[in-house]
């Protein structure tokens, strides 16, 4: 028997970076007392959100995966970015923020 009874997972947010309001945290906390834990934490938050009536929203200023050449790093991205995930080492992150130029990122 599967740990999840439906054919598809509910809408969920990838865990690279998530922003919750205080009210959403309260609702998720309350819901967690009644919803059985699930092995994939991102999906578990989706299940909880569905059960407590929260609709996850996407914000394109969260960049879940830095892939060279895929994200154009420029002043506009850096001014608006809430999170950039997937850099290879702390030195790359420092280089990115100092230089604001992906072509000059240090190698890890």
PDB file of N, CA and C in Angstrom:
ATOM      1  N   UNK A   1       0.851  -1.188   0.000  1.00  0.00           N
ATOM      2  CA  UNK A   1       0.000   0.000   0.000  1.00  0.00           C
ATOM      3  C   UNK A   1       0.892   1.245   0.000  1.00  0.00           C
ATOM      4  N   UNK A   2       0.547   2.168  -0.824  1.00  0.00           N
ATOM      5  CA  UNK A   2       1.327   3.396  -0.960  1.00  0.00           C
ATOM      6  C   UNK A   2       1.111   4.321   0.242  1.00  0.00           C
ATOM      7  N   UNK A   3       2.144   5.127   0.525  1.00  0.00           N
ATOM      8  CA  UNK A   3       2.038   6.089   1.627  1.00  0.00           C
ATOM      9  C   UNK A   3       1.129   7.254   1.256  1.00  0.00           C
ATOM     10  N   UNK A   4       0.823   7.402  -0.046  1.00  0.00           N
ATOM     11  CA  UNK A   4      -0.052   8.477  -0.514  1.00  0.00           C
ATOM     12  C   UNK A   4      -1.140   7.840  -1.356  1.00  0.00           C
ATOM     13  N   UNK A   5      -2.388   8.106  -1.030  1.00  0.00           N
ATOM     14  CA  UNK A   5      -3.512   7.368  -1.610  1.00  0.00           C
ATOM     15  C   UNK A   5      -3.958   7.839  -2.989  1.00  0.00           C
ATOM     16  N   UNK A   6      -3.450   8.962  -3.480  1.00  0.00           N
ATOM     17  CA  UNK A   6      -3.926   9.504  -4.758  1.00  0.00           C
ATOM     18  C   UNK A   6      -2.922   9.216  -5.872  1.00  0.00           C
ATOM     19  N   UNK A   7      -3.377   9.387  -7.121  1.00  0.00           N
ATOM     20  CA  UNK A   7      -2.514   9.120  -8.280  1.00  0.00           C
ATOM     21  C   UNK A   7      -1.461  10.218  -8.490  1.00  0.00           C
ATOM     22  N   UNK A   8      -1.793  11.447  -8.071  1.00  0.00           N
ATOM     23  CA  UNK A   8      -0.893  12.581  -8.280  1.00  0.00           C
ATOM     24  C   UNK A   8      -0.712  13.341  -6.977  1.00  0.00           C
ATOM     25  N   UNK A   9       0.488  13.878  -6.801  1.00  0.00           N
ATOM     26  CA  UNK A   9       0.729  14.736  -5.643  1.00  0.00           C
ATOM     27  C   UNK A   9      -0.008  16.061  -5.822  1.00  0.00           C
ATOM     28  N   UNK A  10      -0.400  16.702  -4.736  1.00  0.00           N
ATOM     29  CA  UNK A  10      -1.010  18.030  -4.858  1.00  0.00           C
ATOM     30  C   UNK A  10       0.061  19.056  -5.260  1.00  0.00           C
ATOM     31  N   UNK A  11      -0.372  20.236  -5.639  1.00  0.00           N
ATOM     32  CA  UNK A  11       0.570  21.302  -5.952  1.00  0.00           C
ATOM     33  C   UNK A  11       1.452  21.542  -4.734  1.00  0.00           C
ATOM     34  N   UNK A  12       2.746  21.624  -4.976  1.00  0.00           N
ATOM     35  CA  UNK A  12       3.675  21.877  -3.870  1.00  0.00           C
ATOM     36  C   UNK A  12       4.815  22.751  -4.360  1.00  0.00           C
ATOM     37  N   UNK A  13       5.535  23.326  -3.432  1.00  0.00           N
ATOM     38  CA  UNK A  13       6.654  24.185  -3.782  1.00  0.00           C
ATOM     39  C   UNK A  13       7.958  23.427  -3.568  1.00  0.00           C
ATOM     40  N   UNK A  14       8.902  23.576  -4.513  1.00  0.00           N
ATOM     41  CA  UNK A  14      10.200  22.950  -4.269  1.00  0.00           C
ATOM     42  C   UNK A  14      10.889  23.643  -3.102  1.00  0.00           C
ATOM     43  N   UNK A  15      11.643  22.900  -2.336  1.00  0.00           N
ATOM     44  CA  UNK A  15      12.181  23.414  -1.083  1.00  0.00           C
ATOM     45  C   UNK A  15      13.408  24.299  -1.166  1.00  0.00           C
ATOM     46  N   UNK A  16      13.820  24.722  -2.356  1.00  0.00           N
ATOM     47  CA  UNK A  16      15.007  25.568  -2.453  1.00  0.00           C
ATOM     48  C   UNK A  16      14.859  26.823  -1.602  1.00  0.00           C
ATOM     49  N   UNK A  17      13.707  27.426  -1.639  1.00  0.00           N
ATOM     50  CA  UNK A  17      13.401  28.606  -0.827  1.00  0.00           C
ATOM     51  C   UNK A  17      11.892  28.769  -0.799  1.00  0.00           C
ATOM     52  N   UNK A  18      11.357  28.906   0.379  1.00  0.00           N
ATOM     53  CA  UNK A  18       9.912  29.060   0.549  1.00  0.00           C
ATOM     54  C   UNK A  18       9.674  30.208   1.514  1.00  0.00           C
ATOM     55  N   UNK A  19       8.690  31.001   1.213  1.00  0.00           N
ATOM     56  CA  UNK A  19       8.325  32.125   2.069  1.00  0.00           C
ATOM     57  C   UNK A  19       6.897  31.906   2.540  1.00  0.00           C
ATOM     58  N   UNK A  20       6.702  31.910   3.864  1.00  0.00           N
ATOM     59  CA  UNK A  20       5.383  31.717   4.452  1.00  0.00           C
ATOM     60  C   UNK A  20       4.996  32.949   5.252  1.00  0.00           C
ATOM     61  N   UNK A  21       3.707  33.297   5.210  1.00  0.00           N
ATOM     62  CA  UNK A  21       3.212  34.321   6.116  1.00  0.00           C
ATOM     63  C   UNK A  21       3.059  33.689   7.498  1.00  0.00           C
ATOM     64  N   UNK A  22       2.947  34.531   8.507  1.00  0.00           N
ATOM     65  CA  UNK A  22       2.754  34.035   9.873  1.00  0.00           C
ATOM     66  C   UNK A  22       1.467  33.212   9.945  1.00  0.00           C
ATOM     67  N   UNK A  23       0.424  33.683   9.308  1.00  0.00           N
ATOM     68  CA  UNK A  23      -0.860  32.958   9.331  1.00  0.00           C
ATOM     69  C   UNK A  23      -0.729  31.601   8.653  1.00  0.00           C
ATOM     70  N   UNK A  24       0.003  31.541   7.540  1.00  0.00           N
ATOM     71  CA  UNK A  24       0.193  30.264   6.846  1.00  0.00           C
ATOM     72  C   UNK A  24       0.953  29.284   7.734  1.00  0.00           C
ATOM     73  N   UNK A  25       1.980  29.769   8.434  1.00  0.00           N
ATOM     74  CA  UNK A  25       2.747  28.908   9.343  1.00  0.00           C
ATOM     75  C   UNK A  25       1.838  28.361  10.438  1.00  0.00           C
ATOM     76  N   UNK A  26       0.966  29.208  10.970  1.00  0.00           N
ATOM     77  CA  UNK A  26       0.045  28.761  12.010  1.00  0.00           C
ATOM     78  C   UNK A  26      -0.882  27.670  11.487  1.00  0.00           C
ATOM     79  N   UNK A  27      -1.419  27.877  10.283  1.00  0.00           N
ATOM     80  CA  UNK A  27      -2.311  26.889   9.690  1.00  0.00           C
ATOM     81  C   UNK A  27      -1.582  25.578   9.390  1.00  0.00           C
ATOM     82  N   UNK A  28      -0.354  25.674   8.857  1.00  0.00           N
ATOM     83  CA  UNK A  28       0.429  24.478   8.559  1.00  0.00           C
ATOM     84  C   UNK A  28       0.778  23.721   9.838  1.00  0.00           C
ATOM     85  N   UNK A  29       1.143  24.458  10.865  1.00  0.00           N
ATOM     86  CA  UNK A  29       1.464  23.832  12.155  1.00  0.00           C
ATOM     87  C   UNK A  29       0.241  23.072  12.689  1.00  0.00           C
ATOM     88  N   UNK A  30      -0.915  23.731  12.680  1.00  0.00           N
ATOM     89  CA  UNK A  30      -2.132  23.094  13.165  1.00  0.00           C
ATOM     90  C   UNK A  30      -2.442  21.854  12.325  1.00  0.00           C
ATOM     91  N   UNK A  31      -2.336  22.003  11.011  1.00  0.00           N
ATOM     92  CA  UNK A  31      -2.609  20.870  10.122  1.00  0.00           C
ATOM     93  C   UNK A  31      -1.664  19.703  10.343  1.00  0.00           C
ATOM     94  N   UNK A  32      -0.410  20.017  10.707  1.00  0.00           N
ATOM     95  CA  UNK A  32       0.583  18.947  10.896  1.00  0.00           C
ATOM     96  C   UNK A  32       0.222  18.023  12.057  1.00  0.00           C
ATOM     97  N   UNK A  33      -0.654  18.484  12.941  1.00  0.00           N
ATOM     98  CA  UNK A  33      -1.077  17.642  14.055  1.00  0.00           C
ATOM     99  C   UNK A  33      -2.044  16.546  13.610  1.00  0.00           C
ATOM    100  N   UNK A  34      -2.611  16.719  12.399  1.00  0.00           N
ATOM    101  CA  UNK A  34      -3.635  15.794  11.924  1.00  0.00           C
ATOM    102  C   UNK A  34      -3.274  15.082  10.630  1.00  0.00           C
ATOM    103  N   UNK A  35      -2.244  15.559   9.927  1.00  0.00           N
ATOM    104  CA  UNK A  35      -1.853  14.962   8.652  1.00  0.00           C
ATOM    105  C   UNK A  35      -0.608  14.106   8.879  1.00  0.00           C
ATOM    106  N   UNK A  36      -0.694  12.858   8.496  1.00  0.00           N
ATOM    107  CA  UNK A  36       0.404  11.905   8.685  1.00  0.00           C
ATOM    108  C   UNK A  36       1.642  12.384   7.910  1.00  0.00           C
ATOM    109  N   UNK A  37       2.813  12.346   8.530  1.00  0.00           N
ATOM    110  CA  UNK A  37       4.037  12.749   7.839  1.00  0.00           C
ATOM    111  C   UNK A  37       4.271  11.940   6.563  1.00  0.00           C
ATOM    112  N   UNK A  38       4.925  12.569   5.609  1.00  0.00           N
ATOM    113  CA  UNK A  38       5.221  11.948   4.317  1.00  0.00           C
ATOM    114  C   UNK A  38       6.718  12.064   4.071  1.00  0.00           C
ATOM    115  N   UNK A  39       7.308  11.078   3.433  1.00  0.00           N
ATOM    116  CA  UNK A  39       8.769  11.007   3.310  1.00  0.00           C
ATOM    117  C   UNK A  39       9.385  12.129   2.464  1.00  0.00           C
ATOM    118  N   UNK A  40       8.648  12.707   1.541  1.00  0.00           N
ATOM    119  CA  UNK A  40       9.172  13.799   0.715  1.00  0.00           C
ATOM    120  C   UNK A  40       8.651  15.103   1.309  1.00  0.00           C
ATOM    121  N   UNK A  41       9.548  15.873   1.929  1.00  0.00           N
ATOM    122  CA  UNK A  41       9.098  17.053   2.681  1.00  0.00           C
ATOM    123  C   UNK A  41       8.402  18.093   1.817  1.00  0.00           C
ATOM    124  N   UNK A  42       8.856  18.302   0.575  1.00  0.00           N
ATOM    125  CA  UNK A  42       8.192  19.265  -0.305  1.00  0.00           C
ATOM    126  C   UNK A  42       6.742  18.858  -0.549  1.00  0.00           C
ATOM    127  N   UNK A  43       6.548  17.580  -0.832  1.00  0.00           N
ATOM    128  CA  UNK A  43       5.197  17.062  -1.075  1.00  0.00           C
ATOM    129  C   UNK A  43       4.368  17.133   0.200  1.00  0.00           C
ATOM    130  N   UNK A  44       4.988  16.852   1.344  1.00  0.00           N
ATOM    131  CA  UNK A  44       4.266  16.938   2.619  1.00  0.00           C
ATOM    132  C   UNK A  44       3.701  18.345   2.822  1.00  0.00           C
ATOM    133  N   UNK A  45       4.505  19.383   2.521  1.00  0.00           N
ATOM    134  CA  UNK A  45       3.980  20.741   2.630  1.00  0.00           C
ATOM    135  C   UNK A  45       2.816  20.953   1.664  1.00  0.00           C
ATOM    136  N   UNK A  46       2.889  20.353   0.480  1.00  0.00           N
ATOM    137  CA  UNK A  46       1.770  20.445  -0.463  1.00  0.00           C
ATOM    138  C   UNK A  46       0.512  19.787   0.068  1.00  0.00           C
ATOM    139  N   UNK A  47       0.672  18.622   0.693  1.00  0.00           N
ATOM    140  CA  UNK A  47      -0.464  17.916   1.295  1.00  0.00           C
ATOM    141  C   UNK A  47      -1.051  18.752   2.430  1.00  0.00           C
ATOM    142  N   UNK A  48      -0.179  19.265   3.293  1.00  0.00           N
ATOM    143  CA  UNK A  48      -0.644  20.121   4.395  1.00  0.00           C
ATOM    144  C   UNK A  48      -1.377  21.347   3.857  1.00  0.00           C
ATOM    145  N   UNK A  49      -0.776  22.000   2.874  1.00  0.00           N
ATOM    146  CA  UNK A  49      -1.389  23.207   2.301  1.00  0.00           C
ATOM    147  C   UNK A  49      -2.785  22.903   1.771  1.00  0.00           C
ATOM    148  N   UNK A  50      -2.919  21.799   1.045  1.00  0.00           N
ATOM    149  CA  UNK A  50      -4.219  21.404   0.513  1.00  0.00           C
ATOM    150  C   UNK A  50      -5.222  21.188   1.645  1.00  0.00           C
ATOM    151  N   UNK A  51      -4.801  20.504   2.681  1.00  0.00           N
ATOM    152  CA  UNK A  51      -5.698  20.180   3.798  1.00  0.00           C
ATOM    153  C   UNK A  51      -6.149  21.420   4.585  1.00  0.00           C
ATOM    154  N   UNK A  52      -5.300  22.445   4.660  1.00  0.00           N
ATOM    155  CA  UNK A  52      -5.664  23.634   5.444  1.00  0.00           C
ATOM    156  C   UNK A  52      -6.119  24.801   4.565  1.00  0.00           C
ATOM    157  N   UNK A  53      -6.264  24.547   3.257  1.00  0.00           N
ATOM    158  CA  UNK A  53      -6.818  25.559   2.366  1.00  0.00           C
ATOM    159  C   UNK A  53      -5.845  26.637   1.906  1.00  0.00           C
ATOM    160  N   UNK A  54      -4.569  26.312   1.814  1.00  0.00           N
ATOM    161  CA  UNK A  54      -3.570  27.250   1.315  1.00  0.00           C
ATOM    162  C   UNK A  54      -3.230  26.874  -0.122  1.00  0.00           C
ATOM    163  N   UNK A  55      -3.222  27.853  -1.026  1.00  0.00           N
ATOM    164  CA  UNK A  55      -2.848  27.617  -2.408  1.00  0.00           C
ATOM    165  C   UNK A  55      -1.427  28.132  -2.631  1.00  0.00           C
ATOM    166  N   UNK A  56      -0.465  27.235  -2.909  1.00  0.00           N
ATOM    167  CA  UNK A  56       0.901  27.693  -3.175  1.00  0.00           C
ATOM    168  C   UNK A  56       0.956  28.576  -4.426  1.00  0.00           C
ATOM    169  N   UNK A  57       1.750  29.608  -4.351  1.00  0.00           N
ATOM    170  CA  UNK A  57       1.926  30.520  -5.480  1.00  0.00           C
ATOM    171  C   UNK A  57       3.383  30.519  -5.908  1.00  0.00           C
ATOM    172  N   UNK A  58       3.614  30.663  -7.200  1.00  0.00           N
ATOM    173  CA  UNK A  58       4.968  30.742  -7.722  1.00  0.00           C
ATOM    174  C   UNK A  58       5.389  32.202  -7.824  1.00  0.00           C
ATOM    175  N   UNK A  59       6.617  32.479  -7.465  1.00  0.00           N
ATOM    176  CA  UNK A  59       7.185  33.812  -7.630  1.00  0.00           C
ATOM    177  C   UNK A  59       8.474  33.642  -8.421  1.00  0.00           C
ATOM    178  N   UNK A  60       8.557  34.276  -9.578  1.00  0.00           N
ATOM    179  CA  UNK A  60       9.696  34.070 -10.461  1.00  0.00           C
ATOM    180  C   UNK A  60      10.973  34.752  -9.978  1.00  0.00           C
ATOM    181  N   UNK A  61      10.925  35.419  -8.829  1.00  0.00           N
ATOM    182  CA  UNK A  61      12.138  35.992  -8.247  1.00  0.00           C
ATOM    183  C   UNK A  61      12.855  34.989  -7.340  1.00  0.00           C
ATOM    184  N   UNK A  62      12.291  33.787  -7.213  1.00  0.00           N
ATOM    185  CA  UNK A  62      12.981  32.662  -6.593  1.00  0.00           C
ATOM    186  C   UNK A  62      13.595  31.884  -7.753  1.00  0.00           C
ATOM    187  N   UNK A  63      14.880  31.698  -7.747  1.00  0.00           N
ATOM    188  CA  UNK A  63      15.566  30.971  -8.817  1.00  0.00           C
ATOM    189  C   UNK A  63      16.075  29.665  -8.230  1.00  0.00           C
ATOM    190  N   UNK A  64      15.308  28.561  -8.419  1.00  0.00           N
ATOM    191  CA  UNK A  64      15.622  27.326  -7.716  1.00  0.00           C
ATOM    192  C   UNK A  64      16.877  26.618  -8.196  1.00  0.00           C
ATOM    193  N   UNK A  65      17.289  26.837  -9.421  1.00  0.00           N
ATOM    194  CA  UNK A  65      18.463  26.121  -9.923  1.00  0.00           C
ATOM    195  C   UNK A  65      19.326  27.042 -10.760  1.00  0.00           C
ATOM    196  N   UNK A  66      20.524  27.323 -10.262  1.00  0.00           N
ATOM    197  CA  UNK A  66      21.486  28.062 -11.063  1.00  0.00           C
ATOM    198  C   UNK A  66      22.163  27.070 -11.994  1.00  0.00           C
ATOM    199  N   UNK A  67      21.962  27.238 -13.276  1.00  0.00           N
ATOM    200  CA  UNK A  67      22.640  26.429 -14.286  1.00  0.00           C
ATOM    201  C   UNK A  67      23.331  27.415 -15.216  1.00  0.00           C
ATOM    202  N   UNK A  68      24.635  27.246 -15.376  1.00  0.00           N
ATOM    203  CA  UNK A  68      25.399  28.192 -16.189  1.00  0.00           C
ATOM    204  C   UNK A  68      24.740  28.360 -17.547  1.00  0.00           C
ATOM    205  N   UNK A  69      24.499  29.610 -17.918  1.00  0.00           N
ATOM    206  CA  UNK A  69      23.891  29.925 -19.195  1.00  0.00           C
ATOM    207  C   UNK A  69      22.378  29.947 -19.176  1.00  0.00           C
ATOM    208  N   UNK A  70      21.748  29.353 -18.168  1.00  0.00           N
ATOM    209  CA  UNK A  70      20.283  29.321 -18.109  1.00  0.00           C
ATOM    210  C   UNK A  70      19.728  30.576 -17.442  1.00  0.00           C
ATOM    211  N   UNK A  71      20.349  31.003 -16.366  1.00  0.00           N
ATOM    212  CA  UNK A  71      19.931  32.228 -15.696  1.00  0.00           C
ATOM    213  C   UNK A  71      20.874  33.341 -16.133  1.00  0.00           C
ATOM    214  N   UNK A  72      20.315  34.400 -16.685  1.00  0.00           N
ATOM    215  CA  UNK A  72      21.126  35.551 -17.054  1.00  0.00           C
ATOM    216  C   UNK A  72      21.265  36.418 -15.816  1.00  0.00           C
ATOM    217  N   UNK A  73      22.476  36.482 -15.300  1.00  0.00           N
ATOM    218  CA  UNK A  73      22.718  37.249 -14.090  1.00  0.00           C
ATOM    219  C   UNK A  73      23.027  38.680 -14.493  1.00  0.00           C
ATOM    220  N   UNK A  74      22.143  39.586 -14.098  1.00  0.00           N
ATOM    221  CA  UNK A  74      22.331  40.998 -14.392  1.00  0.00           C
ATOM    222  C   UNK A  74      21.769  41.798 -13.223  1.00  0.00           C
ATOM    223  N   UNK A  75      21.907  43.117 -13.301  1.00  0.00           N
ATOM    224  CA  UNK A  75      21.441  43.944 -12.192  1.00  0.00           C
ATOM    225  C   UNK A  75      19.957  43.749 -11.912  1.00  0.00           C
ATOM    226  N   UNK A  76      19.135  43.595 -12.957  1.00  0.00           N
ATOM    227  CA  UNK A  76      17.693  43.424 -12.748  1.00  0.00           C
ATOM    228  C   UNK A  76      17.404  42.148 -11.955  1.00  0.00           C
ATOM    229  N   UNK A  77      18.060  41.045 -12.320  1.00  0.00           N
ATOM    230  CA  UNK A  77      17.851  39.799 -11.590  1.00  0.00           C
ATOM    231  C   UNK A  77      18.299  39.960 -10.144  1.00  0.00           C
ATOM    232  N   UNK A  78      19.461  40.549  -9.931  1.00  0.00           N
ATOM    233  CA  UNK A  78      19.985  40.654  -8.578  1.00  0.00           C
ATOM    234  C   UNK A  78      19.185  41.608  -7.712  1.00  0.00           C
ATOM    235  N   UNK A  79      18.634  42.660  -8.290  1.00  0.00           N
ATOM    236  CA  UNK A  79      17.821  43.600  -7.514  1.00  0.00           C
ATOM    237  C   UNK A  79      16.531  42.927  -7.056  1.00  0.00           C
ATOM    238  N   UNK A  80      15.945  42.090  -7.916  1.00  0.00           N
ATOM    239  CA  UNK A  80      14.658  41.479  -7.616  1.00  0.00           C
ATOM    240  C   UNK A  80      14.750  40.094  -6.990  1.00  0.00           C
ATOM    241  N   UNK A  81      15.909  39.452  -7.057  1.00  0.00           N
ATOM    242  CA  UNK A  81      16.031  38.066  -6.604  1.00  0.00           C
ATOM    243  C   UNK A  81      15.741  37.941  -5.114  1.00  0.00           C
ATOM    244  N   UNK A  82      14.938  36.958  -4.780  1.00  0.00           N
ATOM    245  CA  UNK A  82      14.673  36.610  -3.389  1.00  0.00           C
ATOM    246  C   UNK A  82      15.609  35.480  -2.984  1.00  0.00           C
ATOM    247  N   UNK A  83      15.837  34.544  -3.892  1.00  0.00           N
ATOM    248  CA  UNK A  83      16.747  33.433  -3.625  1.00  0.00           C
ATOM    249  C   UNK A  83      17.304  32.911  -4.937  1.00  0.00           C
ATOM    250  N   UNK A  84      18.574  32.564  -4.943  1.00  0.00           N
ATOM    251  CA  UNK A  84      19.214  31.877  -6.058  1.00  0.00           C
ATOM    252  C   UNK A  84      19.842  30.633  -5.456  1.00  0.00           C
ATOM    253  N   UNK A  85      19.420  29.471  -5.931  1.00  0.00           N
ATOM    254  CA  UNK A  85      19.857  28.204  -5.351  1.00  0.00           C
ATOM    255  C   UNK A  85      20.692  27.445  -6.372  1.00  0.00           C
ATOM    256  N   UNK A  86      21.671  26.719  -5.904  1.00  0.00           N
ATOM    257  CA  UNK A  86      22.406  25.827  -6.784  1.00  0.00           C
ATOM    258  C   UNK A  86      23.813  26.255  -7.104  1.00  0.00           C
ATOM    259  N   UNK A  87      24.281  27.341  -6.508  1.00  0.00           N
ATOM    260  CA  UNK A  87      25.675  27.699  -6.715  1.00  0.00           C
ATOM    261  C   UNK A  87      26.541  26.611  -6.095  1.00  0.00           C
ATOM    262  N   UNK A  88      27.741  26.444  -6.578  1.00  0.00           N
ATOM    263  CA  UNK A  88      28.548  25.290  -6.218  1.00  0.00           C
ATOM    264  C   UNK A  88      29.375  25.448  -4.952  1.00  0.00           C
ATOM    265  N   UNK A  89      29.645  26.686  -4.527  1.00  0.00           N
ATOM    266  CA  UNK A  89      30.463  26.882  -3.338  1.00  0.00           C
ATOM    267  C   UNK A  89      30.260  28.311  -2.819  1.00  0.00           C
ATOM    268  N   UNK A  90      30.618  28.578  -1.589  1.00  0.00           N
ATOM    269  CA  UNK A  90      30.444  29.928  -1.033  1.00  0.00           C
ATOM    270  C   UNK A  90      31.198  31.000  -1.829  1.00  0.00           C
ATOM    271  N   UNK A  91      32.355  30.638  -2.370  1.00  0.00           N
ATOM    272  CA  UNK A  91      33.125  31.618  -3.144  1.00  0.00           C
ATOM    273  C   UNK A  91      32.381  32.053  -4.402  1.00  0.00           C
ATOM    274  N   UNK A  92      31.619  31.128  -5.012  1.00  0.00           N
ATOM    275  CA  UNK A  92      30.822  31.477  -6.184  1.00  0.00           C
ATOM    276  C   UNK A  92      29.733  32.470  -5.813  1.00  0.00           C
ATOM    277  N   UNK A  93      29.091  32.244  -4.679  1.00  0.00           N
ATOM    278  CA  UNK A  93      28.045  33.154  -4.237  1.00  0.00           C
ATOM    279  C   UNK A  93      28.627  34.546  -3.987  1.00  0.00           C
ATOM    280  N   UNK A  94      29.752  34.611  -3.308  1.00  0.00           N
ATOM    281  CA  UNK A  94      30.396  35.896  -3.041  1.00  0.00           C
ATOM    282  C   UNK A  94      30.784  36.578  -4.341  1.00  0.00           C
ATOM    283  N   UNK A  95      31.343  35.804  -5.265  1.00  0.00           N
ATOM    284  CA  UNK A  95      31.742  36.346  -6.567  1.00  0.00           C
ATOM    285  C   UNK A  95      30.539  36.879  -7.328  1.00  0.00           C
ATOM    286  N   UNK A  96      29.451  36.140  -7.304  1.00  0.00           N
ATOM    287  CA  UNK A  96      28.232  36.558  -8.004  1.00  0.00           C
ATOM    288  C   UNK A  96      27.736  37.897  -7.483  1.00  0.00           C
ATOM    289  N   UNK A  97      27.662  38.035  -6.186  1.00  0.00           N
ATOM    290  CA  UNK A  97      27.147  39.262  -5.602  1.00  0.00           C
ATOM    291  C   UNK A  97      28.112  40.428  -5.760  1.00  0.00           C
ATOM    292  N   UNK A  98      29.394  40.168  -5.713  1.00  0.00           N
ATOM    293  CA  UNK A  98      30.362  41.259  -5.884  1.00  0.00           C
ATOM    294  C   UNK A  98      30.447  41.718  -7.337  1.00  0.00           C
ATOM    295  N   UNK A  99      30.500  40.757  -8.250  1.00  0.00           N
ATOM    296  CA  UNK A  99      30.732  41.088  -9.659  1.00  0.00           C
ATOM    297  C   UNK A  99      29.455  41.270 -10.459  1.00  0.00           C
ATOM    298  N   UNK A 100      28.382  40.644  -9.998  1.00  0.00           N
ATOM    299  CA  UNK A 100      27.113  40.678 -10.730  1.00  0.00           C
ATOM    300  C   UNK A 100      27.302  40.288 -12.190  1.00  0.00           C
ATOM    301  N   UNK A 101      28.152  39.279 -12.393  1.00  0.00           N
ATOM    302  CA  UNK A 101      28.443  38.848 -13.751  1.00  0.00           C
ATOM    303  C   UNK A 101      28.740  37.355 -13.715  1.00  0.00           C
ATOM    304  N   UNK A 102      27.838  36.543 -14.262  1.00  0.00           N
ATOM    305  CA  UNK A 102      27.997  35.091 -14.231  1.00  0.00           C
ATOM    306  C   UNK A 102      29.203  34.629 -15.040  1.00  0.00           C
ATOM    307  N   UNK A 103      29.628  35.396 -16.035  1.00  0.00           N
ATOM    308  CA  UNK A 103      30.770  34.997 -16.848  1.00  0.00           C
ATOM    309  C   UNK A 103      32.072  35.035 -16.060  1.00  0.00           C
ATOM    310  N   UNK A 104      32.092  35.755 -14.936  1.00  0.00           N
ATOM    311  CA  UNK A 104      33.311  35.871 -14.151  1.00  0.00           C
ATOM    312  C   UNK A 104      33.245  35.073 -12.850  1.00  0.00           C
ATOM    313  N   UNK A 105      32.306  34.141 -12.749  1.00  0.00           N
ATOM    314  CA  UNK A 105      32.203  33.340 -11.530  1.00  0.00           C
ATOM    315  C   UNK A 105      33.449  32.485 -11.357  1.00  0.00           C
ATOM    316  N   UNK A 106      33.888  32.337 -10.146  1.00  0.00           N
ATOM    317  CA  UNK A 106      35.034  31.472  -9.856  1.00  0.00           C
ATOM    318  C   UNK A 106      34.637  30.026 -10.048  1.00  0.00           C
ATOM    319  N   UNK A 107      35.596  29.187 -10.395  1.00  0.00           N
ATOM    320  CA  UNK A 107      35.359  27.754 -10.497  1.00  0.00           C
ATOM    321  C   UNK A 107      35.508  27.130  -9.117  1.00  0.00           C
ATOM    322  N   UNK A 108      34.693  26.128  -8.827  1.00  0.00           N
ATOM    323  CA  UNK A 108      34.789  25.443  -7.533  1.00  0.00           C
ATOM    324  C   UNK A 108      35.543  24.144  -7.702  1.00  0.00           C
TER     325      UNK A 108
END
